[in-house]
Amino acid sequence: MVTTTSSWLRAYADILGPTGGAASPLVFLTAFANPPSEGAESLAHWSNPGRSELLEGKYCGVGISKCFKTIEGIGGTPTLAVVVDLKKSALYYDRQPLIKKIAEIFCVKVKSLISKIEIELLNKLLKGLYVRCCYGKYRTFRLFEVMEQTPDERSFMYCGTTITLVEYFEKVYHITLNYPKMPVVVEKTYKKELNYYPIELLQVCENQRVTLVQQTTAQVRKMNKVCTVAPNRSREQTDKSRKFLRIDECGQKNDWRYKDSFLARCRQRGLGVEEPNIE
């Protein structure tokens, strides 16, 4: 239980939340910075530079996890502390065109035709990925399947007539598809309905981690090398991440809106353990 004022809550959220974002109190979280940003360059400076690229639109993201914990000292007095740890994880590049990601998977330029075997591989690597439409209301959905059918083959009823996806986008959105022979992406709604989209009009959503199933053997080995560091090196990286967060001196060097000192009285409810009866 915390008795405090609203201004303290704002400062508390600034401490606990990730850099440049907001978070709920008492939640363990990790903030990852994208490679193009200044923060990521600062973090990558002390974390194995030159080995962060994983190809196929993936990279090793360097982040910082932060949380509040109650630590009992030598004298038995509990103290609130900010626990900081360096984290590394395989992430997807934000807002990368899906058609470009597919080209990187097969190590070629943008393809105009994909075989059946390649579609099976795409279903393994892309299923469950969140993507966003680059037209209309910019809908976001989870990729359910990559079909063998292409936009010029997939047809459906529209206004009483049968048209293909190519004709639909030309008629409704005035968009001419450049790759009508690329496969169609399927969305499955919560009502079990299926929606179909051309690959070239989709892009990868932000802040997505790569699962082990979606990583190749070479990428897993590379991640293991990046994440394996000596204890003294790990401590050095964690200390630099603490300085990067600027949480020393109660965050007085941070760009907070509220810089007044505050005092909070905390009361933590514990569980009593009954003495066992030995018979």
C-alpha atoms as a PDB file:
ATOM      1  CA  MET A   1       0.000   0.000   0.000  1.00  0.00           C
ATOM      2  CA  VAL A   2       1.407   3.378  -1.011  1.00  0.00           C
ATOM      3  CA  THR A   3       0.115   6.681   0.374  1.00  0.00           C
ATOM      4  CA  THR A   4       1.218   9.498  -1.895  1.00  0.00           C
ATOM      5  CA  THR A   5       0.185  12.418  -4.095  1.00  0.00           C
ATOM      6  CA  SER A   6      -0.557  12.535  -7.813  1.00  0.00           C
ATOM      7  CA  SER A   7       2.695  14.377  -8.580  1.00  0.00           C
ATOM      8  CA  TRP A   8       4.660  11.612  -6.883  1.00  0.00           C
ATOM      9  CA  LEU A   9       2.843   9.033  -8.983  1.00  0.00           C
ATOM     10  CA  ARG A  10       3.983  10.801 -12.140  1.00  0.00           C
ATOM     11  CA  ALA A  11       7.590  10.833 -10.960  1.00  0.00           C
ATOM     12  CA  TYR A  12       7.250   7.200  -9.854  1.00  0.00           C
ATOM     13  CA  ALA A  13       6.041   6.218 -13.319  1.00  0.00           C
ATOM     14  CA  ASP A  14       8.948   8.114 -14.880  1.00  0.00           C
ATOM     15  CA  ILE A  15      11.407   6.075 -12.835  1.00  0.00           C
ATOM     16  CA  LEU A  16       9.762   2.720 -13.453  1.00  0.00           C
ATOM     17  CA  GLY A  17       8.706   3.236 -17.042  1.00  0.00           C
ATOM     18  CA  PRO A  18      10.956   2.619 -20.053  1.00  0.00           C
ATOM     19  CA  THR A  19      12.936   5.451 -21.596  1.00  0.00           C
ATOM     20  CA  GLY A  20      10.609   7.563 -23.695  1.00  0.00           C
ATOM     21  CA  GLY A  21       7.488   5.598 -22.741  1.00  0.00           C
ATOM     22  CA  ALA A  22       4.995   4.938 -19.970  1.00  0.00           C
ATOM     23  CA  ALA A  23       4.315   1.874 -17.867  1.00  0.00           C
ATOM     24  CA  SER A  24       2.196   0.633 -14.993  1.00  0.00           C
ATOM     25  CA  PRO A  25       3.844   0.594 -11.546  1.00  0.00           C
ATOM     26  CA  LEU A  26       5.226  -2.630 -10.069  1.00  0.00           C
ATOM     27  CA  VAL A  27       5.487  -4.355 -13.443  1.00  0.00           C
ATOM     28  CA  PHE A  28       8.695  -5.993 -14.632  1.00  0.00           C
ATOM     29  CA  LEU A  29       9.413  -4.567 -18.071  1.00  0.00           C
ATOM     30  CA  THR A  30      12.133  -4.225 -20.660  1.00  0.00           C
ATOM     31  CA  ALA A  31      12.702  -1.235 -22.945  1.00  0.00           C
ATOM     32  CA  PHE A  32      14.396  -1.996 -26.263  1.00  0.00           C
ATOM     33  CA  ALA A  33      15.713   0.742 -28.543  1.00  0.00           C
ATOM     34  CA  ASN A  34      15.768   0.401 -32.320  1.00  0.00           C
ATOM     35  CA  PRO A  35      19.150   0.547 -34.101  1.00  0.00           C
ATOM     36  CA  PRO A  36      18.572   3.885 -35.905  1.00  0.00           C
ATOM     37  CA  SER A  37      17.937   5.738 -32.641  1.00  0.00           C
ATOM     38  CA  GLU A  38      20.550   7.508 -30.565  1.00  0.00           C
ATOM     39  CA  GLY A  39      19.783   5.408 -27.498  1.00  0.00           C
ATOM     40  CA  ALA A  40      20.438   2.141 -29.291  1.00  0.00           C
ATOM     41  CA  GLU A  41      23.783   3.389 -30.564  1.00  0.00           C
ATOM     42  CA  SER A  42      24.771   4.298 -27.019  1.00  0.00           C
ATOM     43  CA  LEU A  43      23.760   0.871 -25.728  1.00  0.00           C
ATOM     44  CA  ALA A  44      25.334  -1.037 -28.611  1.00  0.00           C
ATOM     45  CA  HIS A  45      28.602   0.774 -27.960  1.00  0.00           C
ATOM     46  CA  TRP A  46      29.325  -1.522 -25.011  1.00  0.00           C
ATOM     47  CA  SER A  47      27.575  -4.694 -26.222  1.00  0.00           C
ATOM     48  CA  ASN A  48      29.481  -6.609 -28.904  1.00  0.00           C
ATOM     49  CA  PRO A  49      29.372  -4.115 -31.811  1.00  0.00           C
ATOM     50  CA  GLY A  50      29.240  -5.595 -35.298  1.00  0.00           C
ATOM     51  CA  ARG A  51      27.369  -8.773 -34.307  1.00  0.00           C
ATOM     52  CA  SER A  52      23.836  -7.446 -33.901  1.00  0.00           C
ATOM     53  CA  GLU A  53      22.587  -8.149 -37.434  1.00  0.00           C
ATOM     54  CA  LEU A  54      20.724 -11.453 -37.792  1.00  0.00           C
ATOM     55  CA  LEU A  55      19.624 -10.990 -41.430  1.00  0.00           C
ATOM     56  CA  GLU A  56      16.058 -11.618 -42.696  1.00  0.00           C
ATOM     57  CA  GLY A  57      14.926  -8.309 -41.193  1.00  0.00           C
ATOM     58  CA  LYS A  58      15.987  -9.308 -37.665  1.00  0.00           C
ATOM     59  CA  TYR A  59      18.535  -7.884 -35.247  1.00  0.00           C
ATOM     60  CA  CYS A  60      19.788  -8.391 -31.718  1.00  0.00           C
ATOM     61  CA  GLY A  61      18.111  -5.668 -29.687  1.00  0.00           C
ATOM     62  CA  VAL A  62      19.899  -4.302 -26.623  1.00  0.00           C
ATOM     63  CA  GLY A  63      17.507  -3.279 -23.877  1.00  0.00           C
ATOM     64  CA  ILE A  64      17.275  -2.535 -20.185  1.00  0.00           C
ATOM     65  CA  SER A  65      14.888  -4.180 -17.738  1.00  0.00           C
ATOM     66  CA  LYS A  66      13.835  -2.173 -14.700  1.00  0.00           C
ATOM     67  CA  CYS A  67      11.664  -2.949 -11.711  1.00  0.00           C
ATOM     68  CA  PHE A  68      11.138  -1.985  -8.088  1.00  0.00           C
ATOM     69  CA  LYS A  69      11.986  -4.592  -5.476  1.00  0.00           C
ATOM     70  CA  THR A  70      12.065  -4.669  -1.704  1.00  0.00           C
ATOM     71  CA  ILE A  71      15.564  -5.584  -0.528  1.00  0.00           C
ATOM     72  CA  GLU A  72      16.291  -6.537   3.076  1.00  0.00           C
ATOM     73  CA  GLY A  73      19.632  -5.186   4.208  1.00  0.00           C
ATOM     74  CA  ILE A  74      22.115  -6.398   6.820  1.00  0.00           C
ATOM     75  CA  GLY A  75      20.173  -4.804   9.638  1.00  0.00           C
ATOM     76  CA  GLY A  76      16.919  -6.427   8.566  1.00  0.00           C
ATOM     77  CA  THR A  77      15.377  -3.137   7.417  1.00  0.00           C
ATOM     78  CA  PRO A  78      13.543  -3.462   4.075  1.00  0.00           C
ATOM     79  CA  THR A  79      14.487  -0.879   1.440  1.00  0.00           C
ATOM     80  CA  LEU A  80      12.948  -0.085  -1.934  1.00  0.00           C
ATOM     81  CA  ALA A  81      15.462  -0.369  -4.774  1.00  0.00           C
ATOM     82  CA  VAL A  82      15.466   0.001  -8.554  1.00  0.00           C
ATOM     83  CA  VAL A  83      16.817  -3.220 -10.075  1.00  0.00           C
ATOM     84  CA  VAL A  84      18.470  -2.737 -13.480  1.00  0.00           C
ATOM     85  CA  ASP A  85      19.638  -5.494 -15.803  1.00  0.00           C
ATOM     86  CA  LEU A  86      20.850  -5.560 -19.399  1.00  0.00           C
ATOM     87  CA  LYS A  87      18.719  -7.624 -21.797  1.00  0.00           C
ATOM     88  CA  LYS A  88      19.320  -8.849 -25.345  1.00  0.00           C
ATOM     89  CA  SER A  89      16.687 -10.333 -27.595  1.00  0.00           C
ATOM     90  CA  ALA A  90      16.092 -11.072 -31.277  1.00  0.00           C
ATOM     91  CA  LEU A  91      13.659  -8.476 -32.674  1.00  0.00           C
ATOM     92  CA  TYR A  92      12.060  -7.643 -36.020  1.00  0.00           C
ATOM     93  CA  TYR A  93      12.816  -4.360 -37.719  1.00  0.00           C
ATOM     94  CA  ASP A  94       9.950  -1.913 -37.256  1.00  0.00           C
ATOM     95  CA  ARG A  95       7.768  -0.975 -40.231  1.00  0.00           C
ATOM     96  CA  GLN A  96       9.744  -3.082 -42.698  1.00  0.00           C
ATOM     97  CA  PRO A  97       7.734  -3.839 -45.880  1.00  0.00           C
ATOM     98  CA  LEU A  98       6.708  -7.486 -45.793  1.00  0.00           C
ATOM     99  CA  ILE A  99       7.743  -8.023 -49.402  1.00  0.00           C
ATOM    100  CA  LYS A 100      11.250  -6.777 -48.557  1.00  0.00           C
ATOM    101  CA  LYS A 101      11.435  -9.151 -45.593  1.00  0.00           C
ATOM    102  CA  ILE A 102      10.561 -12.065 -47.885  1.00  0.00           C
ATOM    103  CA  ALA A 103      13.299 -10.992 -50.298  1.00  0.00           C
ATOM    104  CA  GLU A 104      15.815 -10.988 -47.415  1.00  0.00           C
ATOM    105  CA  ILE A 105      14.686 -14.451 -46.314  1.00  0.00           C
ATOM    106  CA  PHE A 106      15.585 -15.880 -49.719  1.00  0.00           C
ATOM    107  CA  CYS A 107      18.649 -13.581 -50.103  1.00  0.00           C
ATOM    108  CA  VAL A 108      17.446 -12.171 -53.435  1.00  0.00           C
ATOM    109  CA  LYS A 109      15.909  -8.989 -54.746  1.00  0.00           C
ATOM    110  CA  VAL A 110      12.143  -8.579 -54.533  1.00  0.00           C
ATOM    111  CA  LYS A 111      10.692 -11.727 -56.043  1.00  0.00           C
ATOM    112  CA  SER A 112       7.816 -11.823 -58.513  1.00  0.00           C
ATOM    113  CA  LEU A 113       7.054 -15.527 -58.085  1.00  0.00           C
ATOM    114  CA  ILE A 114       7.334 -17.946 -55.150  1.00  0.00           C
ATOM    115  CA  SER A 115       7.331 -21.745 -55.312  1.00  0.00           C
ATOM    116  CA  LYS A 116       5.296 -24.122 -53.148  1.00  0.00           C
ATOM    117  CA  ILE A 117       8.336 -25.133 -51.076  1.00  0.00           C
ATOM    118  CA  GLU A 118       9.149 -21.483 -50.388  1.00  0.00           C
ATOM    119  CA  ILE A 119       5.561 -20.842 -49.270  1.00  0.00           C
ATOM    120  CA  GLU A 120       5.868 -23.651 -46.704  1.00  0.00           C
ATOM    121  CA  LEU A 121       8.992 -21.965 -45.346  1.00  0.00           C
ATOM    122  CA  LEU A 122       7.230 -18.583 -45.199  1.00  0.00           C
ATOM    123  CA  ASN A 123       4.366 -20.096 -43.195  1.00  0.00           C
ATOM    124  CA  LYS A 124       6.887 -21.386 -40.673  1.00  0.00           C
ATOM    125  CA  LEU A 125       8.754 -18.081 -40.372  1.00  0.00           C
ATOM    126  CA  LEU A 126       5.899 -15.569 -40.650  1.00  0.00           C
ATOM    127  CA  LYS A 127       2.857 -17.191 -39.023  1.00  0.00           C
ATOM    128  CA  GLY A 128       1.789 -15.192 -35.968  1.00  0.00           C
ATOM    129  CA  LEU A 129       3.611 -12.045 -37.079  1.00  0.00           C
ATOM    130  CA  TYR A 130       1.669  -8.794 -36.600  1.00  0.00           C
ATOM    131  CA  VAL A 131       1.490  -6.721 -39.771  1.00  0.00           C
ATOM    132  CA  ARG A 132      -0.124  -3.410 -40.751  1.00  0.00           C
ATOM    133  CA  CYS A 133      -1.871  -2.411 -43.963  1.00  0.00           C
ATOM    134  CA  CYS A 134      -0.282   0.461 -45.909  1.00  0.00           C
ATOM    135  CA  TYR A 135      -3.615   1.711 -47.242  1.00  0.00           C
ATOM    136  CA  GLY A 136      -7.118   2.594 -46.068  1.00  0.00           C
ATOM    137  CA  LYS A 137      -7.478   2.656 -42.271  1.00  0.00           C
ATOM    138  CA  TYR A 138      -4.054   1.050 -41.741  1.00  0.00           C
ATOM    139  CA  ARG A 139      -5.489  -2.022 -40.054  1.00  0.00           C
ATOM    140  CA  THR A 140      -3.256  -4.190 -37.882  1.00  0.00           C
ATOM    141  CA  PHE A 141      -3.729  -7.937 -37.697  1.00  0.00           C
ATOM    142  CA  ARG A 142      -1.946 -11.184 -36.958  1.00  0.00           C
ATOM    143  CA  LEU A 143      -0.767 -13.131 -39.978  1.00  0.00           C
ATOM    144  CA  PHE A 144      -2.568 -16.479 -40.086  1.00  0.00           C
ATOM    145  CA  GLU A 145      -1.354 -18.051 -43.334  1.00  0.00           C
ATOM    146  CA  VAL A 146       0.518 -17.471 -46.576  1.00  0.00           C
ATOM    147  CA  MET A 147      -1.516 -18.980 -49.415  1.00  0.00           C
ATOM    148  CA  GLU A 148      -0.372 -20.468 -52.706  1.00  0.00           C
ATOM    149  CA  GLN A 149      -2.983 -18.358 -54.510  1.00  0.00           C
ATOM    150  CA  THR A 150      -1.911 -15.004 -55.922  1.00  0.00           C
ATOM    151  CA  PRO A 151      -3.891 -11.722 -56.085  1.00  0.00           C
ATOM    152  CA  ASP A 152      -4.739 -12.284 -59.751  1.00  0.00           C
ATOM    153  CA  GLU A 153      -6.055 -15.776 -58.916  1.00  0.00           C
ATOM    154  CA  ARG A 154      -7.925 -15.110 -55.669  1.00  0.00           C
ATOM    155  CA  SER A 155     -11.498 -14.079 -56.543  1.00  0.00           C
ATOM    156  CA  PHE A 156     -14.623 -13.283 -54.509  1.00  0.00           C
ATOM    157  CA  MET A 157     -18.072 -11.741 -54.866  1.00  0.00           C
ATOM    158  CA  TYR A 158     -18.237  -7.939 -54.783  1.00  0.00           C
ATOM    159  CA  CYS A 159     -21.402  -5.974 -55.594  1.00  0.00           C
ATOM    160  CA  GLY A 160     -22.939  -8.999 -57.283  1.00  0.00           C
ATOM    161  CA  THR A 161     -19.960  -9.773 -59.539  1.00  0.00           C
ATOM    162  CA  THR A 162     -16.872 -11.952 -59.223  1.00  0.00           C
ATOM    163  CA  ILE A 163     -13.605  -9.992 -59.172  1.00  0.00           C
ATOM    164  CA  THR A 164     -10.000 -10.726 -58.244  1.00  0.00           C
ATOM    165  CA  LEU A 165      -7.916  -8.971 -55.602  1.00  0.00           C
ATOM    166  CA  VAL A 166      -6.079  -7.092 -58.342  1.00  0.00           C
ATOM    167  CA  GLU A 167      -9.350  -5.737 -59.749  1.00  0.00           C
ATOM    168  CA  TYR A 168     -10.683  -4.974 -56.262  1.00  0.00           C
ATOM    169  CA  PHE A 169      -7.743  -2.758 -55.286  1.00  0.00           C
ATOM    170  CA  GLU A 170      -7.831  -0.955 -58.624  1.00  0.00           C
ATOM    171  CA  LYS A 171     -11.557  -0.291 -58.305  1.00  0.00           C
ATOM    172  CA  VAL A 172     -11.842   0.566 -54.589  1.00  0.00           C
ATOM    173  CA  TYR A 173      -8.437   2.012 -53.619  1.00  0.00           C
ATOM    174  CA  HIS A 174      -7.094   2.986 -57.065  1.00  0.00           C
ATOM    175  CA  ILE A 175      -3.973   0.922 -56.349  1.00  0.00           C
ATOM    176  CA  THR A 176      -2.252  -1.040 -59.104  1.00  0.00           C
ATOM    177  CA  LEU A 177      -0.423  -4.052 -57.682  1.00  0.00           C
ATOM    178  CA  ASN A 178       3.175  -4.365 -58.859  1.00  0.00           C
ATOM    179  CA  TYR A 179       3.492  -8.021 -57.874  1.00  0.00           C
ATOM    180  CA  PRO A 180       0.243  -9.805 -58.802  1.00  0.00           C
ATOM    181  CA  LYS A 181       2.069 -13.173 -58.837  1.00  0.00           C
ATOM    182  CA  MET A 182       3.158 -12.966 -55.191  1.00  0.00           C
ATOM    183  CA  PRO A 183       1.153 -15.080 -52.698  1.00  0.00           C
ATOM    184  CA  VAL A 184      -1.821 -13.823 -50.697  1.00  0.00           C
ATOM    185  CA  VAL A 185      -1.682 -13.287 -46.923  1.00  0.00           C
ATOM    186  CA  VAL A 186      -4.644 -14.483 -44.832  1.00  0.00           C
ATOM    187  CA  GLU A 187      -6.088 -12.948 -41.664  1.00  0.00           C
ATOM    188  CA  LYS A 188      -8.390 -15.004 -39.417  1.00  0.00           C
ATOM    189  CA  THR A 189     -10.722 -12.843 -37.305  1.00  0.00           C
ATOM    190  CA  TYR A 190     -12.186 -13.728 -33.923  1.00  0.00           C
ATOM    191  CA  LYS A 191     -15.415 -14.587 -35.769  1.00  0.00           C
ATOM    192  CA  LYS A 192     -13.490 -17.233 -37.755  1.00  0.00           C
ATOM    193  CA  GLU A 193     -13.776 -15.121 -40.904  1.00  0.00           C
ATOM    194  CA  LEU A 194     -10.922 -15.017 -43.422  1.00  0.00           C
ATOM    195  CA  ASN A 195      -9.620 -11.822 -45.028  1.00  0.00           C
ATOM    196  CA  TYR A 196      -7.094 -11.744 -47.875  1.00  0.00           C
ATOM    197  CA  TYR A 197      -4.346  -9.175 -48.521  1.00  0.00           C
ATOM    198  CA  PRO A 198      -1.558  -8.722 -51.104  1.00  0.00           C
ATOM    199  CA  ILE A 199       1.891  -9.041 -49.546  1.00  0.00           C
ATOM    200  CA  GLU A 200       3.206  -5.831 -51.105  1.00  0.00           C
ATOM    201  CA  LEU A 201       0.681  -3.685 -49.178  1.00  0.00           C
ATOM    202  CA  LEU A 202       1.725  -4.888 -45.710  1.00  0.00           C
ATOM    203  CA  GLN A 203       4.506  -3.926 -43.311  1.00  0.00           C
ATOM    204  CA  VAL A 204       5.817  -5.379 -40.049  1.00  0.00           C
ATOM    205  CA  CYS A 205       4.437  -3.828 -36.849  1.00  0.00           C
ATOM    206  CA  GLU A 206       6.690  -2.357 -34.174  1.00  0.00           C
ATOM    207  CA  ASN A 207       8.221  -3.994 -31.090  1.00  0.00           C
ATOM    208  CA  GLN A 208       7.998  -7.679 -31.980  1.00  0.00           C
ATOM    209  CA  ARG A 209      10.310 -10.332 -30.650  1.00  0.00           C
ATOM    210  CA  VAL A 210      11.434 -13.262 -32.779  1.00  0.00           C
ATOM    211  CA  THR A 211      10.410 -16.636 -31.368  1.00  0.00           C
ATOM    212  CA  LEU A 212      12.751 -19.614 -31.450  1.00  0.00           C
ATOM    213  CA  VAL A 213      10.587 -21.256 -34.114  1.00  0.00           C
ATOM    214  CA  GLN A 214      11.052 -18.208 -36.349  1.00  0.00           C
ATOM    215  CA  GLN A 215      14.856 -18.266 -36.008  1.00  0.00           C
ATOM    216  CA  THR A 216      17.190 -20.294 -38.154  1.00  0.00           C
ATOM    217  CA  THR A 217      19.935 -22.446 -36.631  1.00  0.00           C
ATOM    218  CA  ALA A 218      22.560 -19.883 -37.629  1.00  0.00           C
ATOM    219  CA  GLN A 219      20.572 -17.077 -35.969  1.00  0.00           C
ATOM    220  CA  VAL A 220      20.232 -19.062 -32.731  1.00  0.00           C
ATOM    221  CA  ARG A 221      23.999 -19.658 -32.661  1.00  0.00           C
ATOM    222  CA  LYS A 222      24.646 -15.975 -33.293  1.00  0.00           C
ATOM    223  CA  MET A 223      22.275 -14.929 -30.495  1.00  0.00           C
ATOM    224  CA  ASN A 224      24.034 -17.319 -28.107  1.00  0.00           C
ATOM    225  CA  LYS A 225      27.389 -15.722 -28.948  1.00  0.00           C
ATOM    226  CA  VAL A 226      26.035 -12.197 -28.492  1.00  0.00           C
ATOM    227  CA  CYS A 227      24.348 -12.983 -25.165  1.00  0.00           C
ATOM    228  CA  THR A 228      27.243 -14.967 -23.675  1.00  0.00           C
ATOM    229  CA  VAL A 229      29.631 -12.621 -21.863  1.00  0.00           C
ATOM    230  CA  ALA A 230      32.053 -12.984 -18.962  1.00  0.00           C
ATOM    231  CA  PRO A 231      30.740 -12.026 -15.468  1.00  0.00           C
ATOM    232  CA  ASN A 232      33.019  -8.987 -15.213  1.00  0.00           C
ATOM    233  CA  ARG A 233      31.908  -7.835 -18.676  1.00  0.00           C
ATOM    234  CA  SER A 234      28.255  -8.365 -17.739  1.00  0.00           C
ATOM    235  CA  ARG A 235      28.671  -6.261 -14.602  1.00  0.00           C
ATOM    236  CA  GLU A 236      30.353  -3.513 -16.630  1.00  0.00           C
ATOM    237  CA  GLN A 237      27.487  -3.493 -19.151  1.00  0.00           C
ATOM    238  CA  THR A 238      24.871  -3.372 -16.386  1.00  0.00           C
ATOM    239  CA  ASP A 239      26.649  -0.488 -14.667  1.00  0.00           C
ATOM    240  CA  LYS A 240      26.781   1.465 -17.932  1.00  0.00           C
ATOM    241  CA  SER A 241      23.087   0.793 -18.525  1.00  0.00           C
ATOM    242  CA  ARG A 242      22.381   2.226 -15.067  1.00  0.00           C
ATOM    243  CA  LYS A 243      24.283   5.384 -16.003  1.00  0.00           C
ATOM    244  CA  PHE A 244      22.447   5.485 -19.325  1.00  0.00           C
ATOM    245  CA  LEU A 245      19.111   5.601 -17.449  1.00  0.00           C
ATOM    246  CA  ARG A 246      20.336   8.476 -15.256  1.00  0.00           C
ATOM    247  CA  ILE A 247      18.599   7.189 -12.143  1.00  0.00           C
ATOM    248  CA  ASP A 248      21.402   8.211  -9.775  1.00  0.00           C
ATOM    249  CA  GLU A 249      20.605  10.850  -7.145  1.00  0.00           C
ATOM    250  CA  CYS A 250      16.919   9.918  -7.303  1.00  0.00           C
ATOM    251  CA  GLY A 251      16.784  10.805 -10.979  1.00  0.00           C
ATOM    252  CA  GLN A 252      17.594  14.487 -10.484  1.00  0.00           C
ATOM    253  CA  LYS A 253      19.540  14.481 -13.762  1.00  0.00           C
ATOM    254  CA  ASN A 254      16.564  13.110 -15.688  1.00  0.00           C
ATOM    255  CA  ASP A 255      14.311  15.324 -17.787  1.00  0.00           C
ATOM    256  CA  TRP A 256      11.328  15.064 -15.486  1.00  0.00           C
ATOM    257  CA  ARG A 257       8.438  17.449 -15.452  1.00  0.00           C
ATOM    258  CA  TYR A 258       8.255  17.234 -11.650  1.00  0.00           C
ATOM    259  CA  LYS A 259      11.632  17.678  -9.955  1.00  0.00           C
ATOM    260  CA  ASP A 260      10.493  18.381  -6.396  1.00  0.00           C
ATOM    261  CA  SER A 261      11.682  15.953  -3.745  1.00  0.00           C
ATOM    262  CA  PHE A 262       8.995  13.660  -2.377  1.00  0.00           C
ATOM    263  CA  LEU A 263       8.483  11.249   0.510  1.00  0.00           C
ATOM    264  CA  ALA A 264       6.287   8.179   0.341  1.00  0.00           C
ATOM    265  CA  ARG A 265       5.265   5.926   3.175  1.00  0.00           C
ATOM    266  CA  CYS A 266       5.047   2.319   2.088  1.00  0.00           C
ATOM    267  CA  ARG A 267       3.450  -0.553   3.913  1.00  0.00           C
ATOM    268  CA  GLN A 268       3.887  -4.076   2.628  1.00  0.00           C
ATOM    269  CA  ARG A 269       1.532  -6.825   3.725  1.00  0.00           C
ATOM    270  CA  GLY A 270       3.301 -10.103   4.518  1.00  0.00           C
ATOM    271  CA  LEU A 271       2.152 -13.683   5.009  1.00  0.00           C
ATOM    272  CA  GLY A 272       2.536 -15.367   8.382  1.00  0.00           C
ATOM    273  CA  VAL A 273       3.715 -18.979   8.456  1.00  0.00           C
ATOM    274  CA  GLU A 274       2.170 -21.120  11.168  1.00  0.00           C
ATOM    275  CA  GLU A 275       4.390 -23.378  13.219  1.00  0.00           C
ATOM    276  CA  PRO A 276       3.997 -26.980  12.017  1.00  0.00           C
ATOM    277  CA  ASN A 277       2.744 -29.698  14.351  1.00  0.00           C
ATOM    278  CA  ILE A 278       5.094 -32.683  14.371  1.00  0.00           C
ATOM    279  CA  GLU A 279       3.482 -35.949  15.407  1.00  0.00           C
END
